[in-house]
Protein backbone atom coordinates (compact mmCIF):
# COMPACT_ATOMS: atom_id res chain seq x y z
CA THR A 1 77.49 -1.35 80.63
CA TRP A 2 78.65 1.76 80.63
CA ARG A 3 75.89 3.07 82.67
CA GLY A 4 77.19 1.20 85.65
CA TYR A 5 80.57 2.87 85.11
CA VAL A 6 78.57 6.35 85.20
CA VAL A 7 76.68 5.26 88.29
CA ALA A 8 80.12 4.22 89.81
CA VAL A 9 81.96 7.29 89.27
CA ALA A 10 78.66 9.30 90.35
CA LEU A 11 78.39 7.56 93.52
CA THR A 12 81.81 7.85 94.55
CA THR A 13 82.19 11.19 93.84
CA LEU A 14 78.98 12.02 95.45
CA THR A 15 79.97 10.20 98.89
CA LEU A 16 83.53 11.91 98.72
CA LEU A 17 81.97 15.48 98.50
CA ALA A 18 79.56 14.74 101.28
CA ARG A 19 82.61 13.31 103.29
CA HIS A 20 84.81 16.18 102.65
CA ALA A 21 81.84 18.94 103.42
CA ALA A 22 81.32 17.05 106.67
CA SER A 23 85.07 16.81 107.61
CA GLY A 24 84.33 19.65 110.65
CA TYR A 25 81.78 17.71 112.16
CA VAL A 26 82.96 14.14 111.98
CA VAL A 27 86.22 12.66 113.61
CA GLY A 28 88.27 10.36 111.52
CA PRO A 29 88.32 9.11 107.78
CA THR A 30 85.25 6.92 108.40
CA LEU A 31 85.80 5.15 105.17
CA VAL A 32 83.19 2.69 105.71
CA LEU A 33 80.86 5.20 104.41
CA PHE A 34 82.50 4.13 101.16
CA THR A 35 81.13 0.89 101.04
CA ILE A 36 77.96 1.93 99.99
CA PRO A 37 78.84 3.77 96.66
CA ILE A 38 80.73 0.10 96.26
CA ALA A 39 77.65 -1.88 96.53
CA LEU A 40 75.29 0.23 94.59
CA SER A 41 77.85 0.42 91.84
CA ALA A 42 78.51 -3.48 91.75
CA TYR A 43 74.85 -4.24 92.35
CA TRP A 44 73.72 -2.28 89.57
CA GLY A 45 76.60 -3.01 87.02
CA GLY A 46 78.69 -5.80 88.23
CA LEU A 47 81.84 -6.44 88.82
CA GLY A 48 83.79 -3.92 87.07
CA PRO A 49 81.66 -0.89 88.04
CA GLY A 50 82.36 -2.08 92.20
CA LEU A 51 85.97 -2.54 91.35
CA LEU A 52 86.12 1.11 89.69
CA ALA A 53 84.02 2.56 92.75
CA THR A 54 86.72 0.78 94.70
CA LEU A 55 89.21 2.14 93.24
CA LEU A 56 88.14 5.67 93.08
CA ALA A 57 87.43 5.35 97.00
CA MET A 58 91.07 4.47 97.77
CA CYS A 59 92.12 7.27 95.61
CA GLY A 60 89.76 10.02 96.90
CA THR A 61 90.35 9.00 100.41
CA ALA A 62 94.02 8.97 100.30
CA TYR A 63 93.90 12.43 98.38
CA PHE A 64 91.23 14.48 100.36
CA LEU A 65 91.14 12.86 103.56
CA LEU A 66 93.89 10.86 105.16
CA PRO A 67 97.49 13.06 105.55
CA PRO A 68 99.28 14.35 103.61
CA LEU A 69 96.37 15.96 102.03
CA GLY A 70 96.42 16.65 98.29
CA SER A 71 98.67 13.41 97.69
CA VAL A 72 97.90 9.73 97.38
CA ALA A 73 101.13 8.63 99.25
CA ILE A 74 100.22 6.40 102.53
CA SER A 75 102.29 7.85 105.42
CA SER A 76 101.51 5.50 108.27
CA ALA A 77 100.94 1.85 108.97
CA SER A 78 97.15 3.18 110.11
CA GLU A 79 96.64 4.68 107.06
CA LEU A 80 98.09 1.77 105.14
CA LEU A 81 95.29 -0.67 106.64
CA GLN A 82 92.54 1.26 106.15
CA GLU A 83 92.85 1.57 102.62
CA ALA A 84 93.91 -2.21 102.46
CA ALA A 85 90.48 -2.64 104.57
CA LEU A 86 88.74 -0.22 102.05
CA LEU A 87 90.17 -2.40 99.27
CA MET A 88 89.35 -5.69 100.58
CA SER A 89 85.90 -4.70 101.55
CA GLY A 90 85.36 -3.02 97.85
CA VAL A 91 86.65 -6.51 96.34
CA LEU A 92 84.32 -8.62 98.40
CA ILE A 93 81.53 -6.57 98.01
CA SER A 94 81.64 -6.42 94.36
CA VAL A 95 82.07 -10.10 94.16
CA ILE A 96 79.12 -10.74 96.20
CA CYS A 97 77.35 -7.98 94.62
CA MET A 98 78.05 -9.54 90.94
CA LEU A 99 76.97 -12.72 91.80
CA LEU A 100 73.81 -10.98 92.99
CA HIS A 101 73.71 -9.25 89.62
CA ARG A 102 73.95 -12.19 87.45
CA SER A 103 71.59 -13.92 89.61
CA ARG A 104 69.04 -11.12 89.28
CA GLN A 105 70.04 -11.30 85.42
CA ARG A 106 69.25 -14.82 85.14
CA LYS A 107 65.89 -14.75 87.40
CA GLU A 108 65.02 -11.87 84.56
CA HIS A 109 66.00 -13.95 81.79
CA ILE A 110 63.96 -17.05 83.37
CA ILE A 111 61.10 -14.87 83.58
CA ASP A 112 61.09 -13.71 79.99
CA GLU A 113 61.25 -17.22 78.66
CA LEU A 114 58.37 -18.25 80.75
CA HIS A 115 56.36 -15.06 79.23
CA ALA A 116 57.70 -16.07 75.86
CA GLY A 117 56.33 -19.97 76.48
CA GLN A 118 53.37 -18.65 77.98
CA GLU A 119 52.62 -16.32 74.98
CA ALA A 120 53.78 -19.47 72.95
CA LEU A 121 51.31 -21.84 74.24
CA ARG A 122 48.47 -19.40 74.22
CA ARG A 123 48.82 -19.00 70.65
CA ALA A 124 49.26 -22.74 70.06
CA LEU A 125 45.81 -23.29 72.24
CA ARG A 126 44.04 -20.50 69.93
CA GLU A 127 45.28 -22.19 67.00
CA THR A 128 44.05 -25.53 68.08
CA VAL A 129 40.68 -24.26 69.11
CA GLU A 130 40.38 -22.74 65.58
CA LEU A 131 41.28 -25.61 64.09
CA ARG A 132 39.02 -28.21 65.80
CA ALA A 133 36.24 -25.38 65.17
CA ALA A 134 36.89 -25.29 61.53
CA ILE A 135 37.40 -29.55 61.51
CA ASP A 136 34.28 -29.79 63.57
CA GLU A 137 32.30 -27.37 61.30
CA HIS A 138 33.22 -29.74 58.43
CA ALA A 139 33.96 -33.59 59.63
CA ILE A 140 32.39 -35.69 61.87
CA VAL A 141 34.98 -36.54 64.67
CA ALA A 142 35.61 -39.45 67.22
CA THR A 143 38.23 -40.32 69.52
CA THR A 144 38.87 -44.02 71.23
CA ASN A 145 41.17 -45.38 73.46
CA PRO A 146 43.07 -48.27 72.19
CA ARG A 147 40.29 -50.89 72.96
CA GLY A 148 37.90 -48.78 70.80
CA GLU A 149 35.60 -47.58 73.63
CA ILE A 150 34.58 -43.73 72.60
CA GLN A 151 36.01 -40.78 74.32
CA PHE A 152 34.81 -38.09 72.58
CA VAL A 153 32.18 -37.47 69.57
CA ASN A 154 31.46 -33.73 67.82
CA ASP A 155 28.02 -32.86 67.27
CA LYS A 156 27.94 -33.56 63.57
CA PHE A 157 28.91 -37.24 64.77
CA CYS A 158 25.74 -37.19 67.12
CA THR A 159 23.61 -36.14 64.03
CA ILE A 160 24.23 -38.10 61.34
CA SER A 161 24.17 -41.30 63.71
CA GLN A 162 21.29 -39.88 65.99
CA TYR A 163 22.82 -40.76 69.23
CA ALA A 164 23.32 -38.26 71.86
CA ARG A 165 26.36 -37.53 73.51
CA GLU A 166 25.74 -39.61 76.29
CA GLU A 167 24.79 -42.93 74.48
CA LEU A 168 27.97 -42.86 72.76
CA ILE A 169 30.97 -41.71 75.24
CA GLY A 170 31.98 -45.39 76.62
CA GLN A 171 30.32 -47.45 73.76
CA ASP A 172 32.21 -49.05 70.90
CA HIS A 173 31.71 -48.80 67.27
CA ARG A 174 29.48 -52.01 66.98
CA LEU A 175 26.82 -49.66 68.43
CA ILE A 176 26.33 -48.39 64.94
CA ASN A 177 27.89 -51.54 62.89
CA SER A 178 25.59 -51.76 59.98
CA GLY A 179 26.80 -55.57 59.33
CA HIS A 180 27.49 -54.35 55.88
CA HIS A 181 31.59 -55.29 56.29
CA SER A 182 32.67 -58.56 56.41
CA SER A 183 35.02 -59.79 59.37
CA GLU A 184 37.87 -59.61 57.22
CA PHE A 185 37.37 -55.53 56.36
CA ILE A 186 37.12 -55.12 60.03
CA ARG A 187 40.18 -57.10 61.24
CA ASP A 188 42.14 -55.73 58.42
CA LEU A 189 40.90 -52.02 59.75
CA TRP A 190 41.95 -53.03 63.28
CA ARG A 191 45.25 -54.45 62.13
CA THR A 192 46.01 -51.62 60.18
CA ILE A 193 45.74 -48.97 63.22
CA ALA A 194 46.79 -51.30 65.82
CA ASN A 195 50.27 -51.69 63.83
CA GLY A 196 50.66 -47.53 64.36
CA SER A 197 49.39 -47.02 60.69
CA VAL A 198 46.85 -44.53 59.16
CA TRP A 199 43.68 -46.18 57.61
CA HIS A 200 41.63 -44.80 54.93
CA GLY A 201 38.26 -46.59 53.51
CA ASP A 202 34.51 -46.11 53.21
CA ILE A 203 32.38 -47.23 55.98
CA LYS A 204 28.63 -47.79 55.90
CA ASN A 205 27.17 -47.32 59.48
CA LYS A 206 23.32 -47.81 60.62
CA ALA A 207 22.03 -44.85 62.79
CA LYS A 208 19.95 -44.73 65.53
CA ASP A 209 16.45 -44.89 63.76
CA GLY A 210 17.25 -48.05 61.51
CA SER A 211 18.58 -45.93 58.37
CA PHE A 212 22.20 -46.35 56.91
CA TYR A 213 24.48 -43.90 55.79
CA TRP A 214 28.11 -44.18 54.40
CA VAL A 215 31.42 -41.71 55.56
CA ALA A 216 34.50 -41.91 53.73
CA THR A 217 36.73 -42.12 56.82
CA THR A 218 40.45 -41.68 57.75
CA ILE A 219 41.62 -43.47 61.31
CA VAL A 220 45.02 -41.97 62.81
CA PRO A 221 46.48 -43.67 65.83
CA PHE A 222 48.06 -41.47 68.27
CA LEU A 223 51.45 -43.55 69.67
CA ASN A 224 53.51 -43.41 72.70
CA ASP A 225 57.14 -43.42 73.19
CA VAL A 226 57.52 -47.25 72.17
CA GLY A 227 55.17 -46.96 69.22
CA HIS A 228 51.63 -48.30 70.99
CA PRO A 229 48.55 -46.71 69.82
CA VAL A 230 47.40 -44.76 72.88
CA GLN A 231 44.40 -43.24 70.92
CA TYR A 232 42.37 -43.18 67.55
CA VAL A 233 40.93 -40.34 66.19
CA ALA A 234 38.26 -40.93 63.38
CA ILE A 235 37.72 -38.51 60.71
CA ARG A 236 34.69 -38.90 58.88
CA ALA A 237 33.05 -37.26 55.73
CA ASP A 238 29.31 -37.84 54.80
CA ILE A 239 29.06 -39.44 51.30
CA THR A 240 25.44 -41.05 51.68
CA GLU A 241 24.47 -38.94 48.43
CA ARG A 242 27.54 -40.05 46.75
CA LYS A 243 26.77 -43.89 47.35
CA ARG A 244 23.38 -43.55 46.36
CA ALA A 245 23.88 -41.89 43.17
CA GLU A 246 26.33 -44.63 42.68
CA ASP A 247 24.27 -47.41 43.05
CA ALA A 248 21.48 -45.68 41.32
CA LEU A 249 24.13 -45.33 38.29
CA ARG A 250 24.87 -49.54 38.60
CA GLU A 251 21.06 -50.19 38.87
CA ASN A 252 20.39 -48.43 35.38
CA GLU A 253 23.61 -49.95 33.90
CA LEU A 254 22.40 -53.33 34.78
CA ARG A 255 18.48 -52.56 33.76
CA MET A 256 20.03 -51.22 30.40
CA ARG A 257 22.27 -54.36 29.99
CA LEU A 258 19.36 -56.75 31.06
CA ALA A 259 16.90 -55.28 28.73
CA THR A 260 19.20 -55.19 25.94
CA GLU A 261 19.75 -59.05 26.21
CA ALA A 262 16.79 -59.53 26.40
CA THR A 263 15.48 -58.14 23.11
CA GLY A 264 18.44 -58.91 21.20
CA VAL A 265 19.52 -55.52 20.49
CA GLY A 266 23.07 -54.57 20.02
CA ILE A 267 24.21 -51.70 21.19
CA TRP A 268 27.73 -49.96 19.63
CA GLU A 269 28.97 -46.18 21.03
CA TRP A 270 30.72 -43.85 19.02
CA ASN A 271 33.93 -41.88 20.27
CA VAL A 272 33.21 -38.53 18.39
CA LYS A 273 36.74 -37.43 19.35
CA THR A 274 38.66 -40.35 18.44
CA GLY A 275 36.27 -41.94 15.53
CA ALA A 276 36.38 -45.19 17.41
CA LEU A 277 33.40 -47.76 17.26
CA ARG A 278 32.52 -49.84 20.53
């Protein structure tokens, strides 16, 4: 950037002024002093400022320090050799410092990316924790390995099943099997999730005290790179009261049908909106 070039001009000028002010005390041109502003300019600004500092140092020393003073002309081979040495040193230092400068920039860029990645990871972790808290507040959650062994259950699972977490981890879901569903129902469930598909359905389970409860269940398989399940996540909702209401409705309908059949009384329905009789 332009700041690097400003630094090159300023440092070279200050070095030239300091060397010129010390002319009465220092014998010889001591051009090696000018490698300092060249190195600093190249380190902070890159190749361009380093080369600019080299050019300014050559012109300044030729004009102010090497005879004939007040001219950039070179009068002897030794002076030409000194200027050539300064040029070579300046270019070499500029290239080396440019590489160091780029290395520092890459390191800073990597550090910035790491910080950004860590911040994104923290946000993702925070969102995951919040999402899990929201799910745990509403749903009954469990995870199993591909063999069906329970690896995790949330508090709602323990509450509805009446089993402690320690009693559930390492077991499979046969522990809460009510025996209500057929073998074909269970095989279809496992066949679906083992093939990597999501399964939805209602399941009747048995709690530790022998009571039964119904859960609307969604089982999601997590797959590896080759498409094989490595974990199953089951999310359930308690629908026991709904099932009880449905059973009560069916029982009432059955009683009504049996009563009407036994008494021989006919029943008809009239749709008020359409006027249809049935």
